[in-house]
Amino acid sequence: MSTPEFHQRPLAGADSDRRKRWLITGTFAVLAIVLAHAADPWAWATVRDARVYERDWGRLLRILGFLPTWLIVAVALLAHDRGTHGPNGWRWRGGLLVLVPAAAGGAAEVLKLVFRRLRPGETSPDYLFRPFLEDPWSNRGMGLPSSHMMVAMGAAVVLARLFPQSRWLWYALAAGCGYTRVAAGAHYASDVVVAAVVAWLIGDAIMRWGLNKRGTPP
């Protein structure tokens, strides 16, 4: 009778830790989104830089939100891992680097149709929304959430989990991609923060699934 109780304690502790982790994550995410919306008028007026993509660093950061960038990196991982993880296991790292940014980018396109908030205007930081009955299946001109940021953050989550010692670099690069989207006037700051939060949640869920499939602790 004592054996089941012995095994239940660590499980209960793990569930408690998981709930605490998600509570902290959720609180931080909501706070970040609220603060970003409050900062939108300031960012619209002060962060904008119409020439950001004329600079090499600006173009570099932007392409981190371009899905084919990560397809190339995924091919490099596949080539590196081939033959090192068994007949089929070598595909998992490159596969995740394709799956997560693609899922995040696809989710961004769907969410734009749900939120329907237009990109920032040239003369005012006020939010404008497209009515649901107007071009219901087109997200052209919509900015919430930022597709570039969701792709970049999705890739950052994968690389941060695969190479944890350099996680700061991947998240910093994703943040840089988001900065350029705000500076270019293509997005509100809140478009970028919402994208980062949603992409992190998607990436975290997929990485946990992928690492569990491999038998690696998430």
N, C-alpha and C. Protein backbone atom coordinates (compact mmCIF):
# COMPACT_ATOMS: atom_id res chain seq x y z
N MET A 1 0.81 -1.21 0.00
CA MET A 1 0.00 0.00 0.00
C MET A 1 0.85 1.27 0.00
N SER A 2 2.04 1.14 0.54
CA SER A 2 2.88 2.34 0.63
C SER A 2 3.53 2.71 -0.70
N THR A 3 3.68 1.71 -1.59
CA THR A 3 4.36 1.99 -2.86
C THR A 3 3.62 2.99 -3.73
N PRO A 4 2.27 2.86 -3.94
CA PRO A 4 1.59 3.85 -4.75
C PRO A 4 1.71 5.25 -4.19
N GLU A 5 1.62 5.38 -2.82
CA GLU A 5 1.74 6.71 -2.24
C GLU A 5 3.12 7.30 -2.51
N PHE A 6 4.12 6.44 -2.47
CA PHE A 6 5.48 6.90 -2.73
C PHE A 6 5.60 7.47 -4.14
N HIS A 7 4.93 6.80 -5.11
CA HIS A 7 5.03 7.25 -6.49
C HIS A 7 4.13 8.45 -6.75
N GLN A 8 3.08 8.62 -5.95
CA GLN A 8 2.17 9.73 -6.21
C GLN A 8 2.77 11.07 -5.80
N ARG A 9 3.65 11.06 -4.80
CA ARG A 9 4.20 12.32 -4.32
C ARG A 9 5.00 13.07 -5.38
N PRO A 10 5.96 12.39 -6.05
CA PRO A 10 6.69 13.13 -7.09
C PRO A 10 5.80 13.57 -8.23
N LEU A 11 4.77 12.74 -8.57
CA LEU A 11 3.85 13.14 -9.65
C LEU A 11 3.07 14.37 -9.25
N ALA A 12 2.58 14.38 -7.98
CA ALA A 12 1.84 15.55 -7.51
C ALA A 12 2.74 16.77 -7.50
N GLY A 13 4.00 16.59 -7.08
CA GLY A 13 4.94 17.71 -7.09
C GLY A 13 5.21 18.22 -8.48
N ALA A 14 5.32 17.31 -9.44
CA ALA A 14 5.56 17.71 -10.83
C ALA A 14 4.36 18.49 -11.37
N ASP A 15 3.13 18.02 -11.04
CA ASP A 15 1.93 18.74 -11.49
C ASP A 15 1.87 20.13 -10.88
N SER A 16 2.24 20.22 -9.60
CA SER A 16 2.24 21.52 -8.93
C SER A 16 3.25 22.46 -9.56
N ASP A 17 4.43 21.95 -9.86
CA ASP A 17 5.46 22.77 -10.50
C ASP A 17 5.02 23.23 -11.88
N ARG A 18 4.33 22.33 -12.61
CA ARG A 18 3.86 22.67 -13.94
C ARG A 18 2.79 23.77 -13.89
N ARG A 19 1.88 23.65 -12.93
CA ARG A 19 0.84 24.67 -12.78
C ARG A 19 1.46 26.01 -12.39
N LYS A 20 2.45 25.97 -11.50
CA LYS A 20 3.11 27.20 -11.08
C LYS A 20 3.84 27.84 -12.26
N ARG A 21 4.48 27.00 -13.06
CA ARG A 21 5.21 27.50 -14.23
C ARG A 21 4.26 28.19 -15.20
N TRP A 22 3.12 27.55 -15.45
CA TRP A 22 2.17 28.13 -16.40
C TRP A 22 1.50 29.37 -15.83
N LEU A 23 1.30 29.42 -14.52
CA LEU A 23 0.74 30.62 -13.90
C LEU A 23 1.69 31.79 -14.07
N ILE A 24 2.97 31.57 -13.81
CA ILE A 24 3.96 32.63 -13.97
C ILE A 24 4.06 33.05 -15.43
N THR A 25 4.10 32.06 -16.33
CA THR A 25 4.19 32.36 -17.76
C THR A 25 2.98 33.15 -18.23
N GLY A 26 1.79 32.72 -17.82
CA GLY A 26 0.57 33.40 -18.23
C GLY A 26 0.51 34.82 -17.71
N THR A 27 0.90 35.01 -16.45
CA THR A 27 0.89 36.36 -15.86
C THR A 27 1.86 37.27 -16.59
N PHE A 28 3.05 36.78 -16.86
CA PHE A 28 4.05 37.57 -17.58
C PHE A 28 3.55 37.91 -18.99
N ALA A 29 2.93 36.94 -19.67
CA ALA A 29 2.47 37.15 -21.03
C ALA A 29 1.37 38.22 -21.07
N VAL A 30 0.40 38.12 -20.16
CA VAL A 30 -0.69 39.10 -20.13
C VAL A 30 -0.15 40.49 -19.81
N LEU A 31 0.76 40.57 -18.85
CA LEU A 31 1.35 41.85 -18.49
C LEU A 31 2.11 42.46 -19.66
N ALA A 32 2.89 41.64 -20.36
CA ALA A 32 3.65 42.14 -21.50
C ALA A 32 2.73 42.67 -22.59
N ILE A 33 1.64 41.96 -22.85
CA ILE A 33 0.69 42.39 -23.89
C ILE A 33 0.01 43.69 -23.51
N VAL A 34 -0.40 43.81 -22.24
CA VAL A 34 -1.05 45.04 -21.78
C VAL A 34 -0.09 46.22 -21.88
N LEU A 35 1.14 46.04 -21.41
CA LEU A 35 2.12 47.12 -21.47
C LEU A 35 2.45 47.51 -22.90
N ALA A 36 2.51 46.52 -23.79
CA ALA A 36 2.80 46.82 -25.19
C ALA A 36 1.70 47.67 -25.82
N HIS A 37 0.44 47.35 -25.52
CA HIS A 37 -0.65 48.16 -26.04
C HIS A 37 -0.59 49.58 -25.48
N ALA A 38 -0.23 49.71 -24.21
CA ALA A 38 -0.11 51.05 -23.62
C ALA A 38 1.02 51.84 -24.27
N ALA A 39 2.06 51.13 -24.71
CA ALA A 39 3.23 51.79 -25.30
C ALA A 39 3.09 52.04 -26.80
N ASP A 40 2.04 51.55 -27.42
CA ASP A 40 1.91 51.67 -28.88
C ASP A 40 2.00 53.12 -29.38
N PRO A 41 1.29 54.08 -28.79
CA PRO A 41 1.41 55.46 -29.31
C PRO A 41 2.84 55.99 -29.22
N TRP A 42 3.52 55.69 -28.11
CA TRP A 42 4.91 56.15 -27.96
C TRP A 42 5.81 55.51 -29.00
N ALA A 43 5.68 54.19 -29.17
CA ALA A 43 6.53 53.49 -30.14
C ALA A 43 6.26 53.98 -31.55
N TRP A 44 4.99 54.21 -31.88
CA TRP A 44 4.63 54.70 -33.21
C TRP A 44 5.31 56.04 -33.49
N ALA A 45 5.41 56.88 -32.47
CA ALA A 45 5.95 58.23 -32.66
C ALA A 45 7.47 58.30 -32.58
N THR A 46 8.10 57.38 -31.83
CA THR A 46 9.53 57.54 -31.55
C THR A 46 10.43 56.46 -32.11
N VAL A 47 9.92 55.25 -32.32
CA VAL A 47 10.78 54.15 -32.74
C VAL A 47 10.92 54.08 -34.26
N ARG A 48 10.00 54.67 -34.97
CA ARG A 48 9.95 54.49 -36.42
C ARG A 48 11.21 55.01 -37.11
N ASP A 49 11.66 54.22 -38.07
CA ASP A 49 12.87 54.54 -38.85
C ASP A 49 12.63 54.02 -40.26
N ALA A 50 12.24 54.90 -41.16
CA ALA A 50 11.87 54.50 -42.51
C ALA A 50 13.03 53.86 -43.27
N ARG A 51 14.25 54.07 -42.82
CA ARG A 51 15.42 53.55 -43.54
C ARG A 51 16.00 52.30 -42.89
N VAL A 52 15.28 51.71 -41.95
CA VAL A 52 15.84 50.58 -41.22
C VAL A 52 16.25 49.43 -42.15
N TYR A 53 15.49 49.22 -43.23
CA TYR A 53 15.81 48.12 -44.13
C TYR A 53 16.79 48.51 -45.23
N GLU A 54 17.27 49.73 -45.17
CA GLU A 54 18.36 50.13 -46.07
C GLU A 54 19.72 49.78 -45.46
N ARG A 55 19.72 49.40 -44.19
CA ARG A 55 20.95 49.04 -43.50
C ARG A 55 21.11 47.54 -43.45
N ASP A 56 22.35 47.09 -43.51
CA ASP A 56 22.61 45.65 -43.54
C ASP A 56 22.04 44.94 -42.32
N TRP A 57 22.22 45.51 -41.13
CA TRP A 57 21.74 44.85 -39.92
C TRP A 57 20.22 44.76 -39.90
N GLY A 58 19.57 45.77 -40.47
CA GLY A 58 18.12 45.74 -40.54
C GLY A 58 17.61 44.64 -41.46
N ARG A 59 18.26 44.49 -42.61
CA ARG A 59 17.87 43.42 -43.54
C ARG A 59 18.16 42.05 -42.93
N LEU A 60 19.30 41.95 -42.22
CA LEU A 60 19.65 40.68 -41.57
C LEU A 60 18.57 40.27 -40.57
N LEU A 61 18.15 41.21 -39.73
CA LEU A 61 17.16 40.88 -38.71
C LEU A 61 15.80 40.58 -39.34
N ARG A 62 15.47 41.27 -40.42
CA ARG A 62 14.17 41.02 -41.04
C ARG A 62 14.07 39.60 -41.58
N ILE A 63 15.12 39.09 -42.22
CA ILE A 63 15.01 37.78 -42.85
C ILE A 63 14.93 36.65 -41.83
N LEU A 64 15.14 36.97 -40.55
CA LEU A 64 14.92 35.95 -39.52
C LEU A 64 13.43 35.61 -39.40
N GLY A 65 12.57 36.49 -39.90
CA GLY A 65 11.14 36.23 -39.93
C GLY A 65 10.67 35.70 -41.26
N PHE A 66 11.60 35.31 -42.11
CA PHE A 66 11.31 34.78 -43.45
C PHE A 66 11.48 33.27 -43.39
N LEU A 67 10.40 32.52 -43.57
CA LEU A 67 10.43 31.08 -43.35
C LEU A 67 11.52 30.36 -44.14
N PRO A 68 11.77 30.68 -45.42
CA PRO A 68 12.84 29.98 -46.13
C PRO A 68 14.21 30.09 -45.47
N THR A 69 14.45 31.15 -44.68
CA THR A 69 15.72 31.24 -43.95
C THR A 69 15.90 30.01 -43.07
N TRP A 70 14.84 29.63 -42.35
CA TRP A 70 14.94 28.50 -41.43
C TRP A 70 14.87 27.17 -42.13
N LEU A 71 14.29 27.15 -43.33
CA LEU A 71 14.34 25.91 -44.12
C LEU A 71 15.78 25.60 -44.51
N ILE A 72 16.54 26.64 -44.84
CA ILE A 72 17.95 26.45 -45.19
C ILE A 72 18.73 25.93 -43.98
N VAL A 73 18.48 26.55 -42.80
CA VAL A 73 19.17 26.11 -41.58
C VAL A 73 18.76 24.68 -41.24
N ALA A 74 17.48 24.35 -41.45
CA ALA A 74 17.01 22.99 -41.18
C ALA A 74 17.71 21.97 -42.08
N VAL A 75 17.92 22.33 -43.34
CA VAL A 75 18.64 21.44 -44.25
C VAL A 75 20.07 21.22 -43.74
N ALA A 76 20.69 22.29 -43.23
CA ALA A 76 22.04 22.16 -42.68
C ALA A 76 22.05 21.21 -41.48
N LEU A 77 21.05 21.32 -40.62
CA LEU A 77 20.96 20.42 -39.47
C LEU A 77 20.74 18.98 -39.91
N LEU A 78 19.88 18.80 -40.90
CA LEU A 78 19.64 17.45 -41.41
C LEU A 78 20.92 16.85 -41.98
N ALA A 79 21.66 17.66 -42.73
CA ALA A 79 22.91 17.16 -43.32
C ALA A 79 23.92 16.83 -42.23
N HIS A 80 23.96 17.67 -41.19
CA HIS A 80 24.90 17.43 -40.09
C HIS A 80 24.55 16.18 -39.29
N ASP A 81 23.23 15.98 -39.06
CA ASP A 81 22.79 14.88 -38.19
C ASP A 81 22.68 13.55 -38.90
N ARG A 82 22.69 13.55 -40.21
CA ARG A 82 22.44 12.31 -40.94
C ARG A 82 23.47 11.24 -40.54
N GLY A 83 22.93 10.10 -40.17
CA GLY A 83 23.79 8.99 -39.81
C GLY A 83 24.25 9.00 -38.37
N THR A 84 23.83 10.01 -37.58
CA THR A 84 24.32 10.09 -36.20
C THR A 84 23.28 9.72 -35.16
N HIS A 85 22.01 9.58 -35.56
CA HIS A 85 20.94 9.27 -34.60
C HIS A 85 20.12 8.07 -35.05
N GLY A 86 20.73 7.13 -35.69
CA GLY A 86 20.00 5.96 -36.17
C GLY A 86 19.42 6.20 -37.55
N PRO A 87 18.75 5.19 -38.12
CA PRO A 87 18.26 5.29 -39.49
C PRO A 87 17.21 6.37 -39.71
N ASN A 88 16.41 6.68 -38.68
CA ASN A 88 15.36 7.68 -38.83
C ASN A 88 15.51 8.85 -37.87
N GLY A 89 16.19 8.64 -36.74
CA GLY A 89 16.27 9.66 -35.71
C GLY A 89 17.02 10.91 -36.13
N TRP A 90 17.83 10.84 -37.16
CA TRP A 90 18.61 12.01 -37.57
C TRP A 90 17.74 13.14 -38.10
N ARG A 91 16.49 12.86 -38.40
CA ARG A 91 15.64 13.90 -38.98
C ARG A 91 14.99 14.81 -37.95
N TRP A 92 15.06 14.47 -36.67
CA TRP A 92 14.18 15.16 -35.71
C TRP A 92 14.54 16.62 -35.48
N ARG A 93 15.83 16.97 -35.40
CA ARG A 93 16.19 18.36 -35.13
C ARG A 93 15.83 19.26 -36.31
N GLY A 94 16.22 18.84 -37.50
CA GLY A 94 15.85 19.62 -38.68
C GLY A 94 14.35 19.68 -38.88
N GLY A 95 13.68 18.56 -38.58
CA GLY A 95 12.23 18.53 -38.73
C GLY A 95 11.53 19.53 -37.82
N LEU A 96 11.98 19.64 -36.58
CA LEU A 96 11.39 20.60 -35.65
C LEU A 96 11.65 22.04 -36.10
N LEU A 97 12.82 22.28 -36.70
CA LEU A 97 13.13 23.63 -37.16
C LEU A 97 12.31 24.02 -38.39
N VAL A 98 11.75 23.04 -39.05
CA VAL A 98 10.79 23.33 -40.12
C VAL A 98 9.39 23.47 -39.53
N LEU A 99 9.01 22.52 -38.68
CA LEU A 99 7.64 22.44 -38.18
C LEU A 99 7.25 23.65 -37.34
N VAL A 100 8.08 24.04 -36.39
CA VAL A 100 7.67 25.09 -35.46
C VAL A 100 7.53 26.46 -36.13
N PRO A 101 8.54 26.96 -36.88
CA PRO A 101 8.33 28.25 -37.55
C PRO A 101 7.18 28.22 -38.55
N ALA A 102 7.00 27.08 -39.25
CA ALA A 102 5.90 26.99 -40.21
C ALA A 102 4.55 27.03 -39.49
N ALA A 103 4.43 26.31 -38.37
CA ALA A 103 3.19 26.33 -37.60
C ALA A 103 2.91 27.72 -37.04
N ALA A 104 3.95 28.38 -36.53
CA ALA A 104 3.78 29.72 -35.98
C ALA A 104 3.38 30.71 -37.08
N GLY A 105 4.05 30.62 -38.22
CA GLY A 105 3.70 31.52 -39.32
C GLY A 105 2.30 31.28 -39.84
N GLY A 106 1.89 30.01 -39.93
CA GLY A 106 0.53 29.70 -40.36
C GLY A 106 -0.50 30.21 -39.37
N ALA A 107 -0.21 30.07 -38.08
CA ALA A 107 -1.13 30.57 -37.05
C ALA A 107 -1.28 32.09 -37.15
N ALA A 108 -0.19 32.79 -37.48
CA ALA A 108 -0.26 34.25 -37.62
C ALA A 108 -1.25 34.64 -38.71
N GLU A 109 -1.22 33.94 -39.83
CA GLU A 109 -2.13 34.28 -40.93
C GLU A 109 -3.58 34.05 -40.55
N VAL A 110 -3.83 33.01 -39.77
CA VAL A 110 -5.20 32.74 -39.32
C VAL A 110 -5.65 33.77 -38.28
N LEU A 111 -4.77 34.09 -37.33
CA LEU A 111 -5.13 35.04 -36.28
C LEU A 111 -5.39 36.44 -36.83
N LYS A 112 -4.72 36.80 -37.90
CA LYS A 112 -5.00 38.10 -38.51
C LYS A 112 -6.45 38.18 -38.97
N LEU A 113 -6.97 37.08 -39.49
CA LEU A 113 -8.37 37.05 -39.91
C LEU A 113 -9.32 37.13 -38.73
N VAL A 114 -8.86 36.71 -37.56
CA VAL A 114 -9.69 36.76 -36.35
C VAL A 114 -9.66 38.16 -35.74
N PHE A 115 -8.47 38.73 -35.54
CA PHE A 115 -8.34 40.03 -34.88
C PHE A 115 -8.69 41.19 -35.82
N ARG A 116 -8.29 41.08 -37.10
CA ARG A 116 -8.67 42.03 -38.14
C ARG A 116 -8.19 43.46 -37.88
N ARG A 117 -7.12 43.62 -37.13
CA ARG A 117 -6.59 44.96 -36.90
C ARG A 117 -5.61 45.33 -38.00
N LEU A 118 -5.78 46.52 -38.55
CA LEU A 118 -4.95 46.96 -39.66
C LEU A 118 -3.58 47.42 -39.18
N ARG A 119 -2.67 47.49 -40.12
CA ARG A 119 -1.32 47.98 -39.82
C ARG A 119 -1.38 49.46 -39.41
N PRO A 120 -0.33 49.97 -38.76
CA PRO A 120 -0.34 51.38 -38.32
C PRO A 120 -0.51 52.33 -39.50
N GLY A 121 -1.22 53.41 -39.24
CA GLY A 121 -1.38 54.45 -40.25
C GLY A 121 -0.20 55.39 -40.27
N GLU A 122 -0.12 56.19 -41.31
CA GLU A 122 0.99 57.14 -41.44
C GLU A 122 0.81 58.38 -40.60
N THR A 123 -0.43 58.73 -40.29
CA THR A 123 -0.69 60.02 -39.64
C THR A 123 -1.24 59.89 -38.22
N SER A 124 -1.57 58.68 -37.80
CA SER A 124 -2.17 58.50 -36.48
C SER A 124 -1.87 57.11 -35.94
N PRO A 125 -1.63 56.99 -34.62
CA PRO A 125 -1.41 55.67 -34.04
C PRO A 125 -2.69 54.95 -33.66
N ASP A 126 -3.85 55.54 -33.98
CA ASP A 126 -5.11 54.93 -33.58
C ASP A 126 -5.32 53.58 -34.28
N TYR A 127 -5.94 52.65 -33.58
CA TYR A 127 -6.23 51.34 -34.14
C TYR A 127 -7.42 51.43 -35.09
N LEU A 128 -7.29 50.72 -36.20
CA LEU A 128 -8.40 50.58 -37.15
C LEU A 128 -8.61 49.10 -37.42
N PHE A 129 -9.88 48.70 -37.54
CA PHE A 129 -10.22 47.30 -37.75
C PHE A 129 -11.05 47.16 -39.02
N ARG A 130 -10.84 46.08 -39.74
CA ARG A 130 -11.64 45.79 -40.92
C ARG A 130 -12.87 45.00 -40.51
N PRO A 131 -14.05 45.42 -40.95
CA PRO A 131 -15.27 44.66 -40.60
C PRO A 131 -15.19 43.22 -41.11
N PHE A 132 -15.83 42.32 -40.38
CA PHE A 132 -15.79 40.90 -40.74
C PHE A 132 -16.43 40.64 -42.10
N LEU A 133 -17.39 41.46 -42.49
CA LEU A 133 -18.06 41.24 -43.76
C LEU A 133 -17.31 41.81 -44.94
N GLU A 134 -16.24 42.55 -44.67
CA GLU A 134 -15.43 43.14 -45.75
C GLU A 134 -14.19 42.27 -45.99
N ASP A 135 -14.12 41.64 -47.16
CA ASP A 135 -13.02 40.73 -47.49
C ASP A 135 -12.75 39.76 -46.34
N PRO A 136 -13.73 38.93 -45.99
CA PRO A 136 -13.59 38.09 -44.79
C PRO A 136 -12.44 37.11 -44.84
N TRP A 137 -11.98 36.73 -46.03
CA TRP A 137 -10.92 35.72 -46.13
C TRP A 137 -9.58 36.30 -46.58
N SER A 138 -9.47 37.62 -46.57
CA SER A 138 -8.21 38.26 -46.95
C SER A 138 -7.61 38.96 -45.74
N ASN A 139 -6.34 38.69 -45.45
CA ASN A 139 -5.68 39.39 -44.33
C ASN A 139 -4.70 40.45 -44.83
N ARG A 140 -4.83 40.82 -46.07
CA ARG A 140 -3.94 41.86 -46.61
C ARG A 140 -4.15 43.16 -45.84
N GLY A 141 -3.06 43.78 -45.43
CA GLY A 141 -3.11 45.04 -44.69
C GLY A 141 -3.31 44.87 -43.21
N MET A 142 -3.44 43.64 -42.74
CA MET A 142 -3.64 43.41 -41.31
C MET A 142 -2.30 43.15 -40.63
N GLY A 143 -2.21 43.57 -39.36
CA GLY A 143 -0.91 43.49 -38.71
C GLY A 143 -0.85 42.71 -37.41
N LEU A 144 -1.97 42.30 -36.87
CA LEU A 144 -1.98 41.62 -35.58
C LEU A 144 -2.34 40.16 -35.74
N PRO A 145 -1.39 39.26 -35.43
CA PRO A 145 -0.01 39.46 -34.96
C PRO A 145 0.96 39.56 -36.14
N SER A 146 2.21 39.93 -35.84
CA SER A 146 3.24 40.02 -36.87
C SER A 146 3.69 38.63 -37.32
N SER A 147 3.54 38.35 -38.61
CA SER A 147 3.98 37.06 -39.15
C SER A 147 5.49 36.89 -39.03
N HIS A 148 6.23 37.95 -39.33
CA HIS A 148 7.69 37.87 -39.23
C HIS A 148 8.12 37.51 -37.81
N MET A 149 7.51 38.15 -36.83
CA MET A 149 7.88 37.89 -35.45
C MET A 149 7.52 36.47 -35.04
N MET A 150 6.39 35.98 -35.50
CA MET A 150 5.99 34.63 -35.12
C MET A 150 6.93 33.59 -35.71
N VAL A 151 7.35 33.78 -36.95
CA VAL A 151 8.31 32.85 -37.55
C VAL A 151 9.65 32.92 -36.82
N ALA A 152 10.12 34.15 -36.57
CA ALA A 152 11.41 34.32 -35.90
C ALA A 152 11.39 33.75 -34.48
N MET A 153 10.31 33.99 -33.74
CA MET A 153 10.23 33.47 -32.38
C MET A 153 10.07 31.95 -32.38
N GLY A 154 9.31 31.43 -33.34
CA GLY A 154 9.19 29.98 -33.43
C GLY A 154 10.54 29.31 -33.63
N ALA A 155 11.35 29.86 -34.52
CA ALA A 155 12.69 29.33 -34.74
C ALA A 155 13.56 29.49 -33.50
N ALA A 156 13.41 30.64 -32.81
CA ALA A 156 14.21 30.88 -31.60
C ALA A 156 13.90 29.86 -30.52
N VAL A 157 12.63 29.49 -30.37
CA VAL A 157 12.25 28.50 -29.36
C VAL A 157 12.94 27.16 -29.65
N VAL A 158 12.91 26.76 -30.92
CA VAL A 158 13.55 25.49 -31.29
C VAL A 158 15.04 25.53 -30.98
N LEU A 159 15.72 26.56 -31.45
CA LEU A 159 17.17 26.63 -31.28
C LEU A 159 17.57 26.81 -29.82
N ALA A 160 16.72 27.53 -29.05
CA ALA A 160 17.01 27.69 -27.63
C ALA A 160 16.92 26.37 -26.88
N ARG A 161 15.99 25.49 -27.31
CA ARG A 161 15.86 24.19 -26.67
C ARG A 161 16.97 23.22 -27.13
N LEU A 162 17.33 23.31 -28.40
CA LEU A 162 18.36 22.41 -28.91
C LEU A 162 19.75 22.83 -28.45
N PHE A 163 19.96 24.14 -28.31
CA PHE A 163 21.28 24.66 -27.93
C PHE A 163 21.10 25.63 -26.76
N PRO A 164 20.78 25.11 -25.57
CA PRO A 164 20.39 25.98 -24.45
C PRO A 164 21.47 26.96 -24.00
N GLN A 165 22.74 26.63 -24.21
CA GLN A 165 23.78 27.56 -23.79
C GLN A 165 23.75 28.87 -24.58
N SER A 166 23.16 28.83 -25.76
CA SER A 166 23.10 30.04 -26.58
C SER A 166 21.68 30.57 -26.73
N ARG A 167 20.79 30.19 -25.80
CA ARG A 167 19.39 30.60 -25.93
C ARG A 167 19.24 32.11 -25.96
N TRP A 168 20.09 32.84 -25.22
CA TRP A 168 19.99 34.29 -25.19
C TRP A 168 20.17 34.89 -26.58
N LEU A 169 21.04 34.27 -27.38
CA LEU A 169 21.31 34.79 -28.72
C LEU A 169 20.08 34.65 -29.61
N TRP A 170 19.43 33.48 -29.58
CA TRP A 170 18.28 33.24 -30.46
C TRP A 170 17.12 34.15 -30.10
N TYR A 171 16.87 34.33 -28.80
CA TYR A 171 15.77 35.20 -28.39
C TYR A 171 16.10 36.67 -28.69
N ALA A 172 17.36 37.05 -28.55
CA ALA A 172 17.75 38.42 -28.87
C ALA A 172 17.57 38.70 -30.36
N LEU A 173 17.93 37.73 -31.20
CA LEU A 173 17.75 37.91 -32.65
C LEU A 173 16.28 38.01 -33.01
N ALA A 174 15.44 37.20 -32.38
CA ALA A 174 14.00 37.27 -32.64
C ALA A 174 13.46 38.63 -32.22
N ALA A 175 13.91 39.13 -31.05
CA ALA A 175 13.49 40.45 -30.60
C ALA A 175 13.95 41.53 -31.58
N GLY A 176 15.15 41.36 -32.13
CA GLY A 176 15.64 42.31 -33.11
C GLY A 176 14.79 42.33 -34.36
N CYS A 177 14.33 41.16 -34.79
CA CYS A 177 13.43 41.09 -35.94
C CYS A 177 12.16 41.88 -35.65
N GLY A 178 11.60 41.68 -34.44
CA GLY A 178 10.39 42.42 -34.07
C GLY A 178 10.63 43.92 -34.03
N TYR A 179 11.79 44.33 -33.53
CA TYR A 179 12.10 45.76 -33.48
C TYR A 179 12.07 46.37 -34.88
N THR A 180 12.67 45.68 -35.84
CA THR A 180 12.71 46.26 -37.19
C THR A 180 11.31 46.40 -37.78
N ARG A 181 10.39 45.51 -37.42
CA ARG A 181 9.02 45.61 -37.95
C ARG A 181 8.32 46.84 -37.39
N VAL A 182 8.60 47.16 -36.12
CA VAL A 182 8.02 48.37 -35.54
C VAL A 182 8.70 49.60 -36.13
N ALA A 183 10.02 49.56 -36.23
CA ALA A 183 10.76 50.70 -36.77
C ALA A 183 10.35 51.01 -38.21
N ALA A 184 10.07 49.99 -38.98
CA ALA A 184 9.67 50.19 -40.38
C ALA A 184 8.25 50.71 -40.51
N GLY A 185 7.51 50.77 -39.41
CA GLY A 185 6.13 51.23 -39.46
C GLY A 185 5.17 50.17 -39.94
N ALA A 186 5.64 48.92 -40.04
CA ALA A 186 4.79 47.84 -40.53
C ALA A 186 3.89 47.27 -39.44
N HIS A 187 4.26 47.50 -38.18
CA HIS A 187 3.50 46.92 -37.07
C HIS A 187 3.53 47.83 -35.86
N TYR A 188 2.49 47.70 -35.05
CA TYR A 188 2.51 48.26 -33.71
C TYR A 188 3.42 47.40 -32.84
N ALA A 189 3.89 47.98 -31.74
CA ALA A 189 4.67 47.19 -30.79
C ALA A 189 3.85 46.03 -30.25
N SER A 190 2.56 46.24 -30.05
CA SER A 190 1.70 45.17 -29.53
C SER A 190 1.53 44.04 -30.54
N ASP A 191 1.58 44.35 -31.84
CA ASP A 191 1.55 43.29 -32.86
C ASP A 191 2.71 42.33 -32.64
N VAL A 192 3.87 42.89 -32.32
CA VAL A 192 5.08 42.11 -32.15
C VAL A 192 5.05 41.32 -30.85
N VAL A 193 4.59 41.96 -29.77
CA VAL A 193 4.57 41.28 -28.47
C VAL A 193 3.55 40.15 -28.47
N VAL A 194 2.37 40.40 -29.01
CA VAL A 194 1.37 39.32 -29.12
C VAL A 194 1.94 38.17 -29.94
N ALA A 195 2.60 38.49 -31.04
CA ALA A 195 3.20 37.45 -31.89
C ALA A 195 4.23 36.65 -31.12
N ALA A 196 5.07 37.34 -30.34
CA ALA A 196 6.12 36.64 -29.59
C ALA A 196 5.51 35.68 -28.58
N VAL A 197 4.47 36.12 -27.88
CA VAL A 197 3.83 35.28 -26.87
C VAL A 197 3.18 34.06 -27.50
N VAL A 198 2.40 34.28 -28.54
CA VAL A 198 1.69 33.16 -29.18
C VAL A 198 2.68 32.18 -29.81
N ALA A 199 3.71 32.71 -30.46
CA ALA A 199 4.71 31.83 -31.09
C ALA A 199 5.46 31.04 -30.04
N TRP A 200 5.76 31.66 -28.90
CA TRP A 200 6.45 30.93 -27.83
C TRP A 200 5.58 29.79 -27.31
N LEU A 201 4.29 30.05 -27.14
CA LEU A 201 3.38 29.00 -26.67
C LEU A 201 3.30 27.85 -27.67
N ILE A 202 3.19 28.19 -28.95
CA ILE A 202 3.15 27.15 -29.98
C ILE A 202 4.46 26.37 -29.99
N GLY A 203 5.57 27.10 -29.97
CA GLY A 203 6.87 26.45 -30.00
C GLY A 203 7.11 25.58 -28.78
N ASP A 204 6.71 26.08 -27.61
CA ASP A 204 6.89 25.31 -26.39
C ASP A 204 6.11 24.00 -26.45
N ALA A 205 4.85 24.07 -26.92
CA ALA A 205 4.02 22.86 -26.99
C ALA A 205 4.61 21.85 -27.97
N ILE A 206 5.03 22.32 -29.15
CA ILE A 206 5.57 21.39 -30.15
C ILE A 206 6.91 20.81 -29.70
N MET A 207 7.74 21.64 -29.08
CA MET A 207 9.04 21.14 -28.61
C MET A 207 8.88 20.12 -27.50
N ARG A 208 7.92 20.33 -26.61
CA ARG A 208 7.68 19.34 -25.56
C ARG A 208 7.24 18.01 -26.18
N TRP A 209 6.37 18.10 -27.16
CA TRP A 209 5.93 16.89 -27.87
C TRP A 209 7.12 16.23 -28.56
N GLY A 210 7.92 17.03 -29.26
CA GLY A 210 9.05 16.47 -30.00
C GLY A 210 10.11 15.86 -29.09
N LEU A 211 10.42 16.54 -27.99
CA LEU A 211 11.43 16.03 -27.08
C LEU A 211 10.92 14.80 -26.32
N ASN A 212 9.62 14.78 -26.00
CA ASN A 212 9.06 13.59 -25.36
C ASN A 212 9.11 12.38 -26.30
N LYS A 213 8.86 12.64 -27.58
CA LYS A 213 8.93 11.55 -28.57
C LYS A 213 10.34 10.98 -28.63
N ARG A 214 11.33 11.84 -28.42
CA ARG A 214 12.72 11.40 -28.46
C ARG A 214 13.18 10.81 -27.13
N GLY A 215 12.33 10.97 -26.10
CA GLY A 215 12.72 10.48 -24.78
C GLY A 215 13.67 11.43 -24.08
N THR A 216 13.68 12.70 -24.53
CA THR A 216 14.54 13.72 -23.93
C THR A 216 13.72 14.59 -23.01
N PRO A 217 14.16 14.89 -21.79
CA PRO A 217 13.38 15.76 -20.90
C PRO A 217 13.17 17.12 -21.53
N PRO A 218 11.89 17.62 -21.58
CA PRO A 218 11.62 18.93 -22.20
C PRO A 218 12.13 20.08 -21.36
